[in-house]
Amino acid sequence: MTSDFYADVEARVGPLLEKLGFVLDELDDSPDEGGIERNIVYYRSRDCRLQIYYSAREGEINCMIAPLDAPNRFGLTAEKWHYISRFSKRADLPPQERLRIALAEVQAYENRLDWVRDRIAKHYESAHAAILEKYGAGE
């Protein structure tokens, strides 16, 4: 699936990442510790990293951001990797209502990578600033 996943990531998210200064760093199609399918595409800019992943175990496609010195490891199990939306201001709503809104947002997209692209566009600026503030510019 990696070549298909990578090709789809490049087609749907690649143009935005290029505008933001990212280049491909690594592809990882190794299964997780339990042998479950997982595909990760790592990108690198001059001062941070992004990963876009598909995890069959988690049942999701999503993206994470990290400082430049973070190793290319699956973000849900690695230090320094954060969901791209972690640093954005959240609506002052009860958790159940935020979850309902988030699920409706994801389900509104026919292709989840389009959702990932739009999340990066929406949250990258604040996530990037927060990563630099928290960890510095890296290498």
N, C-alpha and C. Protein backbone atom coordinates (compact mmCIF):
# COMPACT_ATOMS: atom_id res chain seq x y z
N MET A 1 0.82 -1.21 0.00
CA MET A 1 0.00 0.00 0.00
C MET A 1 0.86 1.26 0.00
N THR A 2 2.11 1.18 0.43
CA THR A 2 2.92 2.40 0.55
C THR A 2 2.96 3.20 -0.72
N SER A 3 3.23 2.56 -1.85
CA SER A 3 3.32 3.34 -3.08
C SER A 3 2.00 4.04 -3.38
N ASP A 4 0.89 3.35 -3.16
CA ASP A 4 -0.42 3.98 -3.37
C ASP A 4 -0.66 5.08 -2.34
N PHE A 5 -0.36 4.80 -1.07
CA PHE A 5 -0.56 5.79 -0.02
C PHE A 5 0.34 7.01 -0.28
N TYR A 6 1.60 6.75 -0.56
CA TYR A 6 2.54 7.84 -0.84
C TYR A 6 2.07 8.67 -2.04
N ALA A 7 1.67 7.99 -3.11
CA ALA A 7 1.21 8.69 -4.31
C ALA A 7 -0.01 9.56 -4.00
N ASP A 8 -0.91 9.04 -3.20
CA ASP A 8 -2.11 9.80 -2.83
C ASP A 8 -1.74 10.98 -1.93
N VAL A 9 -0.84 10.77 -0.97
CA VAL A 9 -0.38 11.87 -0.11
C VAL A 9 0.26 12.96 -0.98
N GLU A 10 1.14 12.56 -1.88
CA GLU A 10 1.81 13.54 -2.74
C GLU A 10 0.81 14.31 -3.61
N ALA A 11 -0.17 13.60 -4.15
CA ALA A 11 -1.15 14.26 -5.03
C ALA A 11 -2.06 15.22 -4.26
N ARG A 12 -2.47 14.84 -3.07
CA ARG A 12 -3.47 15.62 -2.35
C ARG A 12 -2.87 16.62 -1.36
N VAL A 13 -1.74 16.28 -0.75
CA VAL A 13 -1.15 17.12 0.29
C VAL A 13 0.18 17.73 -0.15
N GLY A 14 0.86 17.07 -1.08
CA GLY A 14 2.18 17.49 -1.52
C GLY A 14 2.29 18.95 -1.94
N PRO A 15 1.39 19.47 -2.77
CA PRO A 15 1.51 20.87 -3.19
C PRO A 15 1.51 21.86 -2.02
N LEU A 16 0.68 21.61 -1.01
CA LEU A 16 0.67 22.48 0.17
C LEU A 16 1.98 22.36 0.93
N LEU A 17 2.45 21.13 1.12
CA LEU A 17 3.70 20.93 1.85
C LEU A 17 4.87 21.60 1.14
N GLU A 18 4.88 21.52 -0.18
CA GLU A 18 5.95 22.18 -0.94
C GLU A 18 5.91 23.69 -0.71
N LYS A 19 4.73 24.29 -0.71
CA LYS A 19 4.60 25.72 -0.45
C LYS A 19 5.10 26.08 0.94
N LEU A 20 4.95 25.16 1.89
CA LEU A 20 5.39 25.39 3.26
C LEU A 20 6.87 25.08 3.47
N GLY A 21 7.54 24.61 2.41
CA GLY A 21 8.97 24.37 2.49
C GLY A 21 9.36 22.96 2.88
N PHE A 22 8.46 22.00 2.75
CA PHE A 22 8.76 20.61 3.11
C PHE A 22 9.20 19.80 1.91
N VAL A 23 10.10 18.85 2.18
CA VAL A 23 10.53 17.88 1.18
C VAL A 23 10.38 16.49 1.80
N LEU A 24 10.24 15.50 0.93
CA LEU A 24 10.12 14.12 1.40
C LEU A 24 11.39 13.73 2.14
N ASP A 25 11.22 13.09 3.28
CA ASP A 25 12.37 12.62 4.07
C ASP A 25 12.47 11.10 4.08
N GLU A 26 11.33 10.41 4.26
CA GLU A 26 11.38 8.94 4.34
C GLU A 26 9.98 8.36 4.18
N LEU A 27 9.93 7.15 3.64
CA LEU A 27 8.69 6.37 3.58
C LEU A 27 8.88 5.16 4.50
N ASP A 28 7.86 4.83 5.25
CA ASP A 28 7.93 3.68 6.16
C ASP A 28 6.64 2.88 6.03
N ASP A 29 6.76 1.66 5.50
CA ASP A 29 5.58 0.80 5.39
C ASP A 29 5.70 -0.43 6.28
N SER A 30 6.58 -0.36 7.28
CA SER A 30 6.72 -1.50 8.18
C SER A 30 5.49 -1.60 9.07
N PRO A 31 5.03 -2.83 9.31
CA PRO A 31 3.86 -2.99 10.18
C PRO A 31 4.19 -2.60 11.61
N ASP A 32 3.16 -2.37 12.41
CA ASP A 32 3.40 -2.03 13.81
C ASP A 32 3.86 -3.28 14.58
N GLU A 33 4.06 -3.13 15.88
CA GLU A 33 4.59 -4.21 16.70
C GLU A 33 3.74 -5.48 16.65
N GLY A 34 2.46 -5.33 16.39
CA GLY A 34 1.56 -6.48 16.33
C GLY A 34 1.37 -7.02 14.92
N GLY A 35 2.11 -6.46 13.95
CA GLY A 35 2.01 -6.92 12.57
C GLY A 35 0.87 -6.29 11.79
N ILE A 36 0.25 -5.26 12.35
CA ILE A 36 -0.86 -4.58 11.70
C ILE A 36 -0.32 -3.53 10.72
N GLU A 37 -1.00 -3.40 9.57
CA GLU A 37 -0.58 -2.48 8.52
C GLU A 37 -0.48 -1.04 9.01
N ARG A 38 0.59 -0.38 8.58
CA ARG A 38 0.81 1.03 8.91
C ARG A 38 1.68 1.63 7.81
N ASN A 39 1.35 2.82 7.35
CA ASN A 39 2.12 3.54 6.33
C ASN A 39 2.37 4.95 6.84
N ILE A 40 3.63 5.38 6.75
CA ILE A 40 3.99 6.71 7.24
C ILE A 40 4.85 7.40 6.18
N VAL A 41 4.51 8.64 5.90
CA VAL A 41 5.31 9.47 4.99
C VAL A 41 5.85 10.62 5.84
N TYR A 42 7.18 10.70 5.91
CA TYR A 42 7.85 11.74 6.70
C TYR A 42 8.34 12.85 5.78
N TYR A 43 8.13 14.09 6.23
CA TYR A 43 8.60 15.26 5.52
C TYR A 43 9.47 16.09 6.45
N ARG A 44 10.35 16.86 5.85
CA ARG A 44 11.30 17.67 6.60
C ARG A 44 11.35 19.07 5.99
N SER A 45 11.37 20.08 6.85
CA SER A 45 11.60 21.46 6.41
C SER A 45 12.91 21.93 7.05
N ARG A 46 13.18 23.20 6.96
CA ARG A 46 14.44 23.69 7.53
C ARG A 46 14.44 23.68 9.05
N ASP A 47 13.24 23.62 9.68
CA ASP A 47 13.21 23.68 11.14
C ASP A 47 12.18 22.79 11.83
N CYS A 48 11.51 21.90 11.10
CA CYS A 48 10.60 20.96 11.75
C CYS A 48 10.30 19.79 10.81
N ARG A 49 9.53 18.85 11.31
CA ARG A 49 9.14 17.65 10.55
C ARG A 49 7.62 17.48 10.61
N LEU A 50 7.11 16.81 9.60
CA LEU A 50 5.70 16.38 9.59
C LEU A 50 5.67 14.91 9.23
N GLN A 51 4.69 14.22 9.75
CA GLN A 51 4.42 12.87 9.29
C GLN A 51 2.93 12.77 8.98
N ILE A 52 2.64 12.09 7.89
CA ILE A 52 1.26 11.78 7.51
C ILE A 52 1.19 10.28 7.52
N TYR A 53 0.22 9.74 8.25
CA TYR A 53 0.21 8.30 8.44
C TYR A 53 -1.17 7.69 8.25
N TYR A 54 -1.13 6.41 7.91
CA TYR A 54 -2.31 5.56 7.92
C TYR A 54 -2.02 4.45 8.92
N SER A 55 -2.88 4.27 9.89
CA SER A 55 -2.73 3.20 10.88
C SER A 55 -3.98 2.35 10.87
N ALA A 56 -3.84 1.11 10.43
CA ALA A 56 -4.99 0.20 10.44
C ALA A 56 -5.43 -0.07 11.88
N ARG A 57 -4.48 -0.18 12.80
CA ARG A 57 -4.83 -0.43 14.21
C ARG A 57 -5.69 0.69 14.77
N GLU A 58 -5.29 1.93 14.51
CA GLU A 58 -6.03 3.09 15.02
C GLU A 58 -7.23 3.42 14.14
N GLY A 59 -7.23 2.88 12.91
CA GLY A 59 -8.32 3.15 11.99
C GLY A 59 -8.35 4.60 11.54
N GLU A 60 -7.16 5.18 11.35
CA GLU A 60 -7.16 6.59 10.99
C GLU A 60 -6.03 6.96 10.04
N ILE A 61 -6.26 8.06 9.38
CA ILE A 61 -5.24 8.78 8.61
C ILE A 61 -5.15 10.14 9.28
N ASN A 62 -3.92 10.56 9.61
CA ASN A 62 -3.77 11.82 10.32
C ASN A 62 -2.36 12.36 10.10
N CYS A 63 -2.05 13.48 10.74
CA CYS A 63 -0.72 14.08 10.61
C CYS A 63 -0.25 14.58 11.95
N MET A 64 1.08 14.61 12.09
CA MET A 64 1.71 15.08 13.32
C MET A 64 2.90 15.96 12.95
N ILE A 65 3.30 16.80 13.90
CA ILE A 65 4.43 17.71 13.72
C ILE A 65 5.41 17.49 14.85
N ALA A 66 6.70 17.71 14.56
CA ALA A 66 7.75 17.53 15.56
C ALA A 66 8.91 18.46 15.24
N PRO A 67 9.80 18.65 16.21
CA PRO A 67 11.01 19.42 15.92
C PRO A 67 11.91 18.65 14.98
N LEU A 68 12.85 19.34 14.40
CA LEU A 68 13.74 18.76 13.41
C LEU A 68 14.55 17.58 13.95
N ASP A 69 14.89 17.60 15.24
CA ASP A 69 15.72 16.53 15.80
C ASP A 69 14.93 15.30 16.22
N ALA A 70 13.62 15.29 16.03
CA ALA A 70 12.82 14.10 16.38
C ALA A 70 13.10 12.99 15.38
N PRO A 71 13.26 11.77 15.86
CA PRO A 71 13.50 10.66 14.94
C PRO A 71 12.24 10.32 14.14
N ASN A 72 12.42 9.74 12.99
CA ASN A 72 11.30 9.28 12.17
C ASN A 72 10.74 8.01 12.80
N ARG A 73 9.82 8.18 13.73
CA ARG A 73 9.11 7.09 14.38
C ARG A 73 7.64 7.46 14.45
N PHE A 74 6.81 6.44 14.44
CA PHE A 74 5.37 6.64 14.48
C PHE A 74 5.01 7.54 15.66
N GLY A 75 4.36 8.65 15.38
CA GLY A 75 4.11 9.69 16.36
C GLY A 75 3.31 9.29 17.57
N LEU A 76 2.41 8.34 17.45
CA LEU A 76 1.61 7.95 18.60
C LEU A 76 2.44 7.21 19.65
N THR A 77 3.62 6.73 19.25
CA THR A 77 4.47 6.00 20.18
C THR A 77 5.85 6.62 20.33
N ALA A 78 6.05 7.83 19.85
CA ALA A 78 7.37 8.47 19.90
C ALA A 78 7.29 9.82 20.61
N GLU A 79 8.39 10.17 21.26
CA GLU A 79 8.46 11.47 21.91
C GLU A 79 8.56 12.58 20.87
N LYS A 80 8.13 13.74 21.26
CA LYS A 80 8.23 14.99 20.51
C LYS A 80 7.26 15.12 19.34
N TRP A 81 6.52 14.08 18.99
CA TRP A 81 5.54 14.18 17.91
C TRP A 81 4.20 14.59 18.50
N HIS A 82 3.54 15.56 17.86
CA HIS A 82 2.26 16.09 18.35
C HIS A 82 1.27 16.21 17.19
N TYR A 83 -0.01 15.96 17.49
CA TYR A 83 -1.03 16.21 16.47
C TYR A 83 -0.93 17.68 16.05
N ILE A 84 -1.13 17.94 14.79
CA ILE A 84 -0.97 19.29 14.24
C ILE A 84 -1.93 20.28 14.89
N SER A 85 -3.07 19.81 15.37
CA SER A 85 -4.06 20.71 15.97
C SER A 85 -3.85 20.93 17.47
N ARG A 86 -2.88 20.26 18.06
CA ARG A 86 -2.68 20.31 19.51
C ARG A 86 -2.48 21.73 20.03
N PHE A 87 -1.86 22.58 19.26
CA PHE A 87 -1.47 23.91 19.73
C PHE A 87 -2.47 25.00 19.35
N SER A 88 -3.53 24.63 18.67
CA SER A 88 -4.55 25.62 18.27
C SER A 88 -5.56 25.80 19.38
N LYS A 89 -6.12 26.99 19.44
CA LYS A 89 -7.14 27.27 20.44
C LYS A 89 -8.38 26.42 20.15
N ARG A 90 -8.91 25.82 21.18
CA ARG A 90 -10.10 24.97 21.04
C ARG A 90 -11.36 25.73 21.44
N ALA A 91 -12.45 25.34 20.82
CA ALA A 91 -13.74 25.95 21.15
C ALA A 91 -14.08 25.63 22.61
N ASP A 92 -14.71 26.56 23.26
CA ASP A 92 -15.10 26.39 24.65
C ASP A 92 -16.42 25.61 24.71
N LEU A 93 -16.30 24.31 24.41
CA LEU A 93 -17.47 23.43 24.38
C LEU A 93 -17.17 22.19 25.22
N PRO A 94 -18.21 21.51 25.66
CA PRO A 94 -17.98 20.25 26.38
C PRO A 94 -17.28 19.25 25.45
N PRO A 95 -16.47 18.35 26.03
CA PRO A 95 -15.72 17.39 25.21
C PRO A 95 -16.59 16.57 24.26
N GLN A 96 -17.79 16.17 24.68
CA GLN A 96 -18.66 15.39 23.81
C GLN A 96 -19.08 16.18 22.58
N GLU A 97 -19.32 17.47 22.76
CA GLU A 97 -19.72 18.32 21.64
C GLU A 97 -18.55 18.53 20.69
N ARG A 98 -17.33 18.74 21.24
CA ARG A 98 -16.14 18.87 20.37
C ARG A 98 -15.93 17.59 19.57
N LEU A 99 -16.12 16.44 20.20
CA LEU A 99 -15.97 15.17 19.50
C LEU A 99 -17.00 15.02 18.39
N ARG A 100 -18.24 15.38 18.67
CA ARG A 100 -19.30 15.30 17.65
C ARG A 100 -18.96 16.18 16.45
N ILE A 101 -18.50 17.38 16.71
CA ILE A 101 -18.13 18.31 15.64
C ILE A 101 -16.95 17.76 14.85
N ALA A 102 -15.95 17.24 15.55
CA ALA A 102 -14.76 16.69 14.88
C ALA A 102 -15.12 15.51 13.98
N LEU A 103 -15.97 14.63 14.46
CA LEU A 103 -16.38 13.47 13.65
C LEU A 103 -17.17 13.92 12.42
N ALA A 104 -18.05 14.89 12.60
CA ALA A 104 -18.82 15.40 11.46
C ALA A 104 -17.88 16.04 10.44
N GLU A 105 -16.86 16.73 10.91
CA GLU A 105 -15.89 17.36 10.00
C GLU A 105 -15.16 16.31 9.17
N VAL A 106 -14.66 15.28 9.81
CA VAL A 106 -13.94 14.22 9.10
C VAL A 106 -14.85 13.53 8.09
N GLN A 107 -16.06 13.23 8.50
CA GLN A 107 -17.00 12.49 7.64
C GLN A 107 -17.47 13.32 6.46
N ALA A 108 -17.28 14.63 6.50
CA ALA A 108 -17.68 15.48 5.39
C ALA A 108 -16.74 15.35 4.19
N TYR A 109 -15.59 14.72 4.39
CA TYR A 109 -14.60 14.56 3.33
C TYR A 109 -14.70 13.16 2.72
N GLU A 110 -14.73 13.11 1.41
CA GLU A 110 -14.74 11.83 0.72
C GLU A 110 -13.40 11.12 0.86
N ASN A 111 -12.32 11.89 0.83
CA ASN A 111 -10.98 11.33 0.99
C ASN A 111 -10.34 11.96 2.23
N ARG A 112 -9.92 11.14 3.17
CA ARG A 112 -9.37 11.66 4.43
C ARG A 112 -8.09 12.47 4.23
N LEU A 113 -7.37 12.23 3.15
CA LEU A 113 -6.16 13.03 2.92
C LEU A 113 -6.51 14.48 2.58
N ASP A 114 -7.68 14.71 2.02
CA ASP A 114 -8.12 16.08 1.81
C ASP A 114 -8.37 16.76 3.16
N TRP A 115 -8.91 16.00 4.10
CA TRP A 115 -9.11 16.50 5.47
C TRP A 115 -7.75 16.81 6.12
N VAL A 116 -6.78 15.91 5.95
CA VAL A 116 -5.44 16.13 6.49
C VAL A 116 -4.84 17.40 5.90
N ARG A 117 -4.93 17.57 4.58
CA ARG A 117 -4.42 18.77 3.92
C ARG A 117 -5.04 20.03 4.53
N ASP A 118 -6.35 20.02 4.70
CA ASP A 118 -7.03 21.20 5.23
C ASP A 118 -6.66 21.44 6.70
N ARG A 119 -6.40 20.38 7.46
CA ARG A 119 -5.95 20.53 8.85
C ARG A 119 -4.56 21.16 8.90
N ILE A 120 -3.70 20.72 8.01
CA ILE A 120 -2.36 21.32 7.96
C ILE A 120 -2.48 22.80 7.61
N ALA A 121 -3.28 23.12 6.61
CA ALA A 121 -3.46 24.52 6.22
C ALA A 121 -4.01 25.35 7.38
N LYS A 122 -4.91 24.78 8.15
CA LYS A 122 -5.55 25.51 9.24
C LYS A 122 -4.65 25.63 10.47
N HIS A 123 -3.91 24.59 10.81
CA HIS A 123 -3.21 24.54 12.09
C HIS A 123 -1.69 24.68 12.01
N TYR A 124 -1.12 24.65 10.80
CA TYR A 124 0.34 24.63 10.71
C TYR A 124 1.00 25.84 11.35
N GLU A 125 0.50 27.02 11.09
CA GLU A 125 1.15 28.23 11.60
C GLU A 125 1.29 28.19 13.12
N SER A 126 0.21 27.89 13.83
CA SER A 126 0.30 27.86 15.29
C SER A 126 1.10 26.66 15.78
N ALA A 127 0.99 25.52 15.12
CA ALA A 127 1.76 24.34 15.52
C ALA A 127 3.25 24.57 15.30
N HIS A 128 3.60 25.16 14.17
CA HIS A 128 5.00 25.44 13.85
C HIS A 128 5.60 26.38 14.90
N ALA A 129 4.89 27.46 15.20
CA ALA A 129 5.38 28.42 16.20
C ALA A 129 5.55 27.75 17.55
N ALA A 130 4.60 26.92 17.95
CA ALA A 130 4.67 26.25 19.25
C ALA A 130 5.81 25.25 19.32
N ILE A 131 6.04 24.52 18.23
CA ILE A 131 7.15 23.55 18.20
C ILE A 131 8.48 24.29 18.33
N LEU A 132 8.64 25.39 17.62
CA LEU A 132 9.89 26.16 17.72
C LEU A 132 10.08 26.74 19.11
N GLU A 133 8.99 27.20 19.71
CA GLU A 133 9.07 27.75 21.06
C GLU A 133 9.41 26.67 22.08
N LYS A 134 8.81 25.51 21.93
CA LYS A 134 8.99 24.41 22.90
C LYS A 134 10.36 23.74 22.77
N TYR A 135 10.81 23.52 21.52
CA TYR A 135 12.02 22.73 21.30
C TYR A 135 13.17 23.50 20.65
N GLY A 136 12.92 24.69 20.15
CA GLY A 136 13.95 25.41 19.40
C GLY A 136 13.92 24.97 17.94
N ALA A 137 14.87 25.48 17.17
CA ALA A 137 14.89 25.21 15.73
C ALA A 137 15.51 23.86 15.37
N GLY A 138 15.95 23.09 16.35
CA GLY A 138 16.49 21.76 16.05
C GLY A 138 17.94 21.80 15.66
N GLU A 139 18.30 20.93 14.71
CA GLU A 139 19.70 20.70 14.33
C GLU A 139 20.44 21.96 13.97
